[in-house]
Amino acid sequence: MPKEKLCIFIDGGNVFHAANSLKIHIDLDKLVTALTGNRTLIRTYYYGATLNTPTQLRFFDKLRHLGFTVKTLPLRQYDGTPFEKGIDVMLVTDMLKLAHTNSYDTALLVSGDKDFTYTVQELKTLGKTVEVAAFTHALASELQQAADNTILLDHLIPNITLPK
């Protein structure tokens, strides 16, 4: 029997803020390894907003070097406050497009954002398995209920963090 095909979709802003609130730094390469298990990883997508600072550009280059597909949009400003716009739509579009082309059996969404709930439900109607990975404090109950499986990142902290 062929191995399960997996695509991982990382909501960078959501993961960053959730990890930051716990005062930890996630090693995304270790995270992907822990989440993949014995499945066939087709591709990992990372979505994030950027100010194109040298530090951010080096981070995105490192992810590309590790084999991630990195998708970014400029960070917007409103009254001096930066905010993301369009990242979730880009992620959802890719999840649905790749589902329609049968690129994966399982979509693994690394985010706890309630806004993805409807997309998860729709992917399931297309016959896809949808897993959600998030920290407990940042996981919307609606998203957790919609998913086929939930992976609580709290339990993986020793295996997915950068050394201090």
C-alpha atoms as a PDB file:
ATOM      1  CA  MET A   1       0.000   0.000   0.000  1.00  0.00           C
ATOM      2  CA  PRO A   2       1.437   3.438  -0.926  1.00  0.00           C
ATOM      3  CA  LYS A   3       2.427   5.806   1.845  1.00  0.00           C
ATOM      4  CA  GLU A   4       0.133   8.654   2.790  1.00  0.00           C
ATOM      5  CA  LYS A   5       1.025  11.865   0.900  1.00  0.00           C
ATOM      6  CA  LEU A   6       1.340  14.864   3.215  1.00  0.00           C
ATOM      7  CA  CYS A   7       1.495  18.611   2.595  1.00  0.00           C
ATOM      8  CA  ILE A   8       2.232  20.913   5.514  1.00  0.00           C
ATOM      9  CA  PHE A   9       0.906  24.483   5.555  1.00  0.00           C
ATOM     10  CA  ILE A  10       2.473  26.757   8.193  1.00  0.00           C
ATOM     11  CA  ASP A  11       0.780  30.003   9.183  1.00  0.00           C
ATOM     12  CA  GLY A  12       4.026  31.739  10.144  1.00  0.00           C
ATOM     13  CA  GLY A  13       2.493  34.656  12.014  1.00  0.00           C
ATOM     14  CA  ASN A  14       0.256  32.423  14.101  1.00  0.00           C
ATOM     15  CA  VAL A  15       3.089  30.059  15.025  1.00  0.00           C
ATOM     16  CA  PHE A  16       5.480  32.939  15.773  1.00  0.00           C
ATOM     17  CA  HIS A  17       3.051  34.723  18.099  1.00  0.00           C
ATOM     18  CA  ALA A  18       2.012  31.517  19.879  1.00  0.00           C
ATOM     19  CA  ALA A  19       5.641  30.477  20.450  1.00  0.00           C
ATOM     20  CA  ASN A  20       6.640  34.002  21.441  1.00  0.00           C
ATOM     21  CA  SER A  21       3.963  34.060  24.153  1.00  0.00           C
ATOM     22  CA  LEU A  22       5.586  30.917  25.587  1.00  0.00           C
ATOM     23  CA  LYS A  23       9.048  32.500  25.257  1.00  0.00           C
ATOM     24  CA  ILE A  24      10.317  29.715  22.991  1.00  0.00           C
ATOM     25  CA  HIS A  25      11.800  29.657  19.500  1.00  0.00           C
ATOM     26  CA  ILE A  26      10.607  26.975  17.116  1.00  0.00           C
ATOM     27  CA  ASP A  27      13.054  25.158  14.837  1.00  0.00           C
ATOM     28  CA  LEU A  28      10.793  24.748  11.812  1.00  0.00           C
ATOM     29  CA  ASP A  29      12.927  21.979  10.314  1.00  0.00           C
ATOM     30  CA  LYS A  30      12.581  19.945  13.530  1.00  0.00           C
ATOM     31  CA  LEU A  31       8.853  20.752  13.610  1.00  0.00           C
ATOM     32  CA  VAL A  32       8.330  19.400  10.102  1.00  0.00           C
ATOM     33  CA  THR A  33      10.291  16.237  10.909  1.00  0.00           C
ATOM     34  CA  ALA A  34       8.216  15.660  14.056  1.00  0.00           C
ATOM     35  CA  LEU A  35       4.926  16.232  12.215  1.00  0.00           C
ATOM     36  CA  THR A  36       5.755  14.139   9.144  1.00  0.00           C
ATOM     37  CA  GLY A  37       6.458  10.863  10.918  1.00  0.00           C
ATOM     38  CA  ASN A  38       6.536   7.942   8.482  1.00  0.00           C
ATOM     39  CA  ARG A  39       4.438   9.682   5.822  1.00  0.00           C
ATOM     40  CA  THR A  40       5.669  10.922   2.457  1.00  0.00           C
ATOM     41  CA  LEU A  41       6.163  14.672   2.684  1.00  0.00           C
ATOM     42  CA  ILE A  42       5.262  16.223  -0.662  1.00  0.00           C
ATOM     43  CA  ARG A  43       6.015  19.807   0.303  1.00  0.00           C
ATOM     44  CA  THR A  44       6.044  22.242   3.197  1.00  0.00           C
ATOM     45  CA  TYR A  45       4.608  25.708   2.650  1.00  0.00           C
ATOM     46  CA  TYR A  46       5.427  28.636   4.909  1.00  0.00           C
ATOM     47  CA  TYR A  47       3.283  31.794   4.800  1.00  0.00           C
ATOM     48  CA  GLY A  48       4.295  35.066   6.387  1.00  0.00           C
ATOM     49  CA  ALA A  49       4.154  38.830   6.226  1.00  0.00           C
ATOM     50  CA  THR A  50       7.418  40.697   5.861  1.00  0.00           C
ATOM     51  CA  LEU A  51       9.036  44.098   6.156  1.00  0.00           C
ATOM     52  CA  ASN A  52      11.935  42.696   4.069  1.00  0.00           C
ATOM     53  CA  THR A  53      14.497  43.339   6.790  1.00  0.00           C
ATOM     54  CA  PRO A  54      17.871  41.608   6.367  1.00  0.00           C
ATOM     55  CA  THR A  55      17.037  39.296   9.296  1.00  0.00           C
ATOM     56  CA  GLN A  56      13.708  38.273   7.747  1.00  0.00           C
ATOM     57  CA  LEU A  57      15.250  37.772   4.317  1.00  0.00           C
ATOM     58  CA  ARG A  58      17.947  35.499   5.800  1.00  0.00           C
ATOM     59  CA  PHE A  59      15.247  33.539   7.650  1.00  0.00           C
ATOM     60  CA  PHE A  60      13.216  33.019   4.459  1.00  0.00           C
ATOM     61  CA  ASP A  61      16.363  32.068   2.513  1.00  0.00           C
ATOM     62  CA  LYS A  62      17.212  29.485   5.193  1.00  0.00           C
ATOM     63  CA  LEU A  63      13.711  27.993   4.900  1.00  0.00           C
ATOM     64  CA  ARG A  64      14.033  27.804   1.103  1.00  0.00           C
ATOM     65  CA  HIS A  65      17.421  26.105   1.508  1.00  0.00           C
ATOM     66  CA  LEU A  66      15.708  23.522   3.757  1.00  0.00           C
ATOM     67  CA  GLY A  67      13.175  22.833   0.978  1.00  0.00           C
ATOM     68  CA  PHE A  68      10.247  24.959   2.172  1.00  0.00           C
ATOM     69  CA  THR A  69       8.120  26.837  -0.321  1.00  0.00           C
ATOM     70  CA  VAL A  70       8.018  30.343   1.177  1.00  0.00           C
ATOM     71  CA  LYS A  71       5.164  32.687   0.339  1.00  0.00           C
ATOM     72  CA  THR A  72       5.163  36.220   1.701  1.00  0.00           C
ATOM     73  CA  LEU A  73       3.261  39.459   1.420  1.00  0.00           C
ATOM     74  CA  PRO A  74       4.357  42.878   2.663  1.00  0.00           C
ATOM     75  CA  LEU A  75       3.402  43.732   6.221  1.00  0.00           C
ATOM     76  CA  ARG A  76       0.885  46.574   6.118  1.00  0.00           C
ATOM     77  CA  GLN A  77       0.734  49.594   8.416  1.00  0.00           C
ATOM     78  CA  TYR A  78      -2.319  51.374   9.766  1.00  0.00           C
ATOM     79  CA  ASP A  79      -1.797  54.366  12.058  1.00  0.00           C
ATOM     80  CA  GLY A  80       1.727  53.135  12.662  1.00  0.00           C
ATOM     81  CA  THR A  81       0.589  49.639  13.678  1.00  0.00           C
ATOM     82  CA  PRO A  82       1.836  46.755  11.491  1.00  0.00           C
ATOM     83  CA  PHE A  83      -0.618  44.015  10.479  1.00  0.00           C
ATOM     84  CA  GLU A  84      -0.913  41.055   8.115  1.00  0.00           C
ATOM     85  CA  LYS A  85      -3.274  41.203   5.175  1.00  0.00           C
ATOM     86  CA  GLY A  86      -3.936  38.428   2.666  1.00  0.00           C
ATOM     87  CA  ILE A  87      -1.767  35.682   4.169  1.00  0.00           C
ATOM     88  CA  ASP A  88      -4.701  33.474   5.228  1.00  0.00           C
ATOM     89  CA  VAL A  89      -6.309  33.795   1.783  1.00  0.00           C
ATOM     90  CA  MET A  90      -3.057  32.763   0.089  1.00  0.00           C
ATOM     91  CA  LEU A  91      -2.740  29.724   2.376  1.00  0.00           C
ATOM     92  CA  VAL A  92      -6.368  28.670   1.858  1.00  0.00           C
ATOM     93  CA  THR A  93      -6.085  29.065  -1.916  1.00  0.00           C
ATOM     94  CA  ASP A  94      -3.052  26.781  -1.997  1.00  0.00           C
ATOM     95  CA  MET A  95      -4.699  24.185   0.249  1.00  0.00           C
ATOM     96  CA  LEU A  96      -7.772  24.037  -1.990  1.00  0.00           C
ATOM     97  CA  LYS A  97      -5.826  24.155  -5.278  1.00  0.00           C
ATOM     98  CA  LEU A  98      -3.566  21.301  -4.188  1.00  0.00           C
ATOM     99  CA  ALA A  99      -6.565  19.301  -2.945  1.00  0.00           C
ATOM    100  CA  HIS A 100      -8.263  19.662  -6.335  1.00  0.00           C
ATOM    101  CA  THR A 101      -5.117  18.460  -8.119  1.00  0.00           C
ATOM    102  CA  ASN A 102      -4.912  15.514  -5.677  1.00  0.00           C
ATOM    103  CA  SER A 103      -1.417  16.552  -4.624  1.00  0.00           C
ATOM    104  CA  TYR A 104      -1.899  15.216  -1.099  1.00  0.00           C
ATOM    105  CA  ASP A 105      -3.955  12.802   0.981  1.00  0.00           C
ATOM    106  CA  THR A 106      -3.512  14.761   4.199  1.00  0.00           C
ATOM    107  CA  ALA A 107      -3.226  18.499   4.727  1.00  0.00           C
ATOM    108  CA  LEU A 108      -1.515  19.443   7.970  1.00  0.00           C
ATOM    109  CA  LEU A 109      -2.291  23.008   8.975  1.00  0.00           C
ATOM    110  CA  VAL A 110       0.096  24.484  11.528  1.00  0.00           C
ATOM    111  CA  SER A 111      -2.138  27.163  13.013  1.00  0.00           C
ATOM    112  CA  GLY A 112      -4.825  27.511  15.624  1.00  0.00           C
ATOM    113  CA  ASP A 113      -6.669  30.297  13.809  1.00  0.00           C
ATOM    114  CA  LYS A 114     -10.467  29.969  13.841  1.00  0.00           C
ATOM    115  CA  ASP A 115     -10.602  31.581  10.376  1.00  0.00           C
ATOM    116  CA  PHE A 116      -9.459  28.282   8.808  1.00  0.00           C
ATOM    117  CA  THR A 117     -12.424  26.281  10.145  1.00  0.00           C
ATOM    118  CA  TYR A 118     -14.568  26.504   7.001  1.00  0.00           C
ATOM    119  CA  THR A 119     -11.631  25.564   4.775  1.00  0.00           C
ATOM    120  CA  VAL A 120     -10.949  22.483   6.899  1.00  0.00           C
ATOM    121  CA  GLN A 121     -14.599  21.453   6.579  1.00  0.00           C
ATOM    122  CA  GLU A 122     -14.529  21.927   2.800  1.00  0.00           C
ATOM    123  CA  LEU A 123     -11.306  19.943   2.376  1.00  0.00           C
ATOM    124  CA  LYS A 124     -12.942  17.059   4.196  1.00  0.00           C
ATOM    125  CA  THR A 125     -15.864  17.121   1.717  1.00  0.00           C
ATOM    126  CA  LEU A 126     -13.233  16.637  -1.003  1.00  0.00           C
ATOM    127  CA  GLY A 127     -12.127  13.448   0.731  1.00  0.00           C
ATOM    128  CA  LYS A 128      -8.987  14.877   2.267  1.00  0.00           C
ATOM    129  CA  THR A 129      -7.805  14.210   5.786  1.00  0.00           C
ATOM    130  CA  VAL A 130      -7.047  17.433   7.631  1.00  0.00           C
ATOM    131  CA  GLU A 131      -4.863  17.670  10.695  1.00  0.00           C
ATOM    132  CA  VAL A 132      -4.231  20.767  12.763  1.00  0.00           C
ATOM    133  CA  ALA A 133      -1.088  21.360  14.818  1.00  0.00           C
ATOM    134  CA  ALA A 134      -1.100  24.208  17.341  1.00  0.00           C
ATOM    135  CA  PHE A 135      -0.282  25.199  20.881  1.00  0.00           C
ATOM    136  CA  THR A 136      -3.195  24.652  23.254  1.00  0.00           C
ATOM    137  CA  HIS A 137      -3.470  28.312  24.258  1.00  0.00           C
ATOM    138  CA  ALA A 138      -3.663  29.397  20.590  1.00  0.00           C
ATOM    139  CA  LEU A 139      -6.045  26.718  19.289  1.00  0.00           C
ATOM    140  CA  ALA A 140      -9.617  27.734  18.475  1.00  0.00           C
ATOM    141  CA  SER A 141     -12.065  25.069  19.617  1.00  0.00           C
ATOM    142  CA  GLU A 142     -14.002  25.389  16.325  1.00  0.00           C
ATOM    143  CA  LEU A 143     -10.874  24.571  14.320  1.00  0.00           C
ATOM    144  CA  GLN A 144     -10.023  21.643  16.575  1.00  0.00           C
ATOM    145  CA  GLN A 145     -13.539  20.223  16.218  1.00  0.00           C
ATOM    146  CA  ALA A 146     -13.443  20.566  12.421  1.00  0.00           C
ATOM    147  CA  ALA A 147     -10.114  18.752  12.039  1.00  0.00           C
ATOM    148  CA  ASP A 148      -9.767  14.982  11.687  1.00  0.00           C
ATOM    149  CA  ASN A 149      -6.846  15.052  14.098  1.00  0.00           C
ATOM    150  CA  THR A 150      -5.190  17.620  16.356  1.00  0.00           C
ATOM    151  CA  ILE A 151      -1.534  17.640  17.305  1.00  0.00           C
ATOM    152  CA  LEU A 152      -0.839  19.702  20.412  1.00  0.00           C
ATOM    153  CA  LEU A 153       2.556  21.305  19.948  1.00  0.00           C
ATOM    154  CA  ASP A 154       2.858  21.745  23.723  1.00  0.00           C
ATOM    155  CA  HIS A 155       3.778  18.044  23.904  1.00  0.00           C
ATOM    156  CA  LEU A 156       6.516  18.424  21.269  1.00  0.00           C
ATOM    157  CA  ILE A 157       8.319  21.473  22.741  1.00  0.00           C
ATOM    158  CA  PRO A 158      11.514  19.590  23.727  1.00  0.00           C
ATOM    159  CA  ASN A 159      11.789  18.176  20.187  1.00  0.00           C
ATOM    160  CA  ILE A 160      10.940  21.284  18.143  1.00  0.00           C
ATOM    161  CA  THR A 161      12.638  24.212  19.834  1.00  0.00           C
ATOM    162  CA  LEU A 162      15.960  25.897  19.213  1.00  0.00           C
ATOM    163  CA  PRO A 163      18.512  25.722  22.023  1.00  0.00           C
ATOM    164  CA  LYS A 164      18.525  28.827  24.223  1.00  0.00           C
END
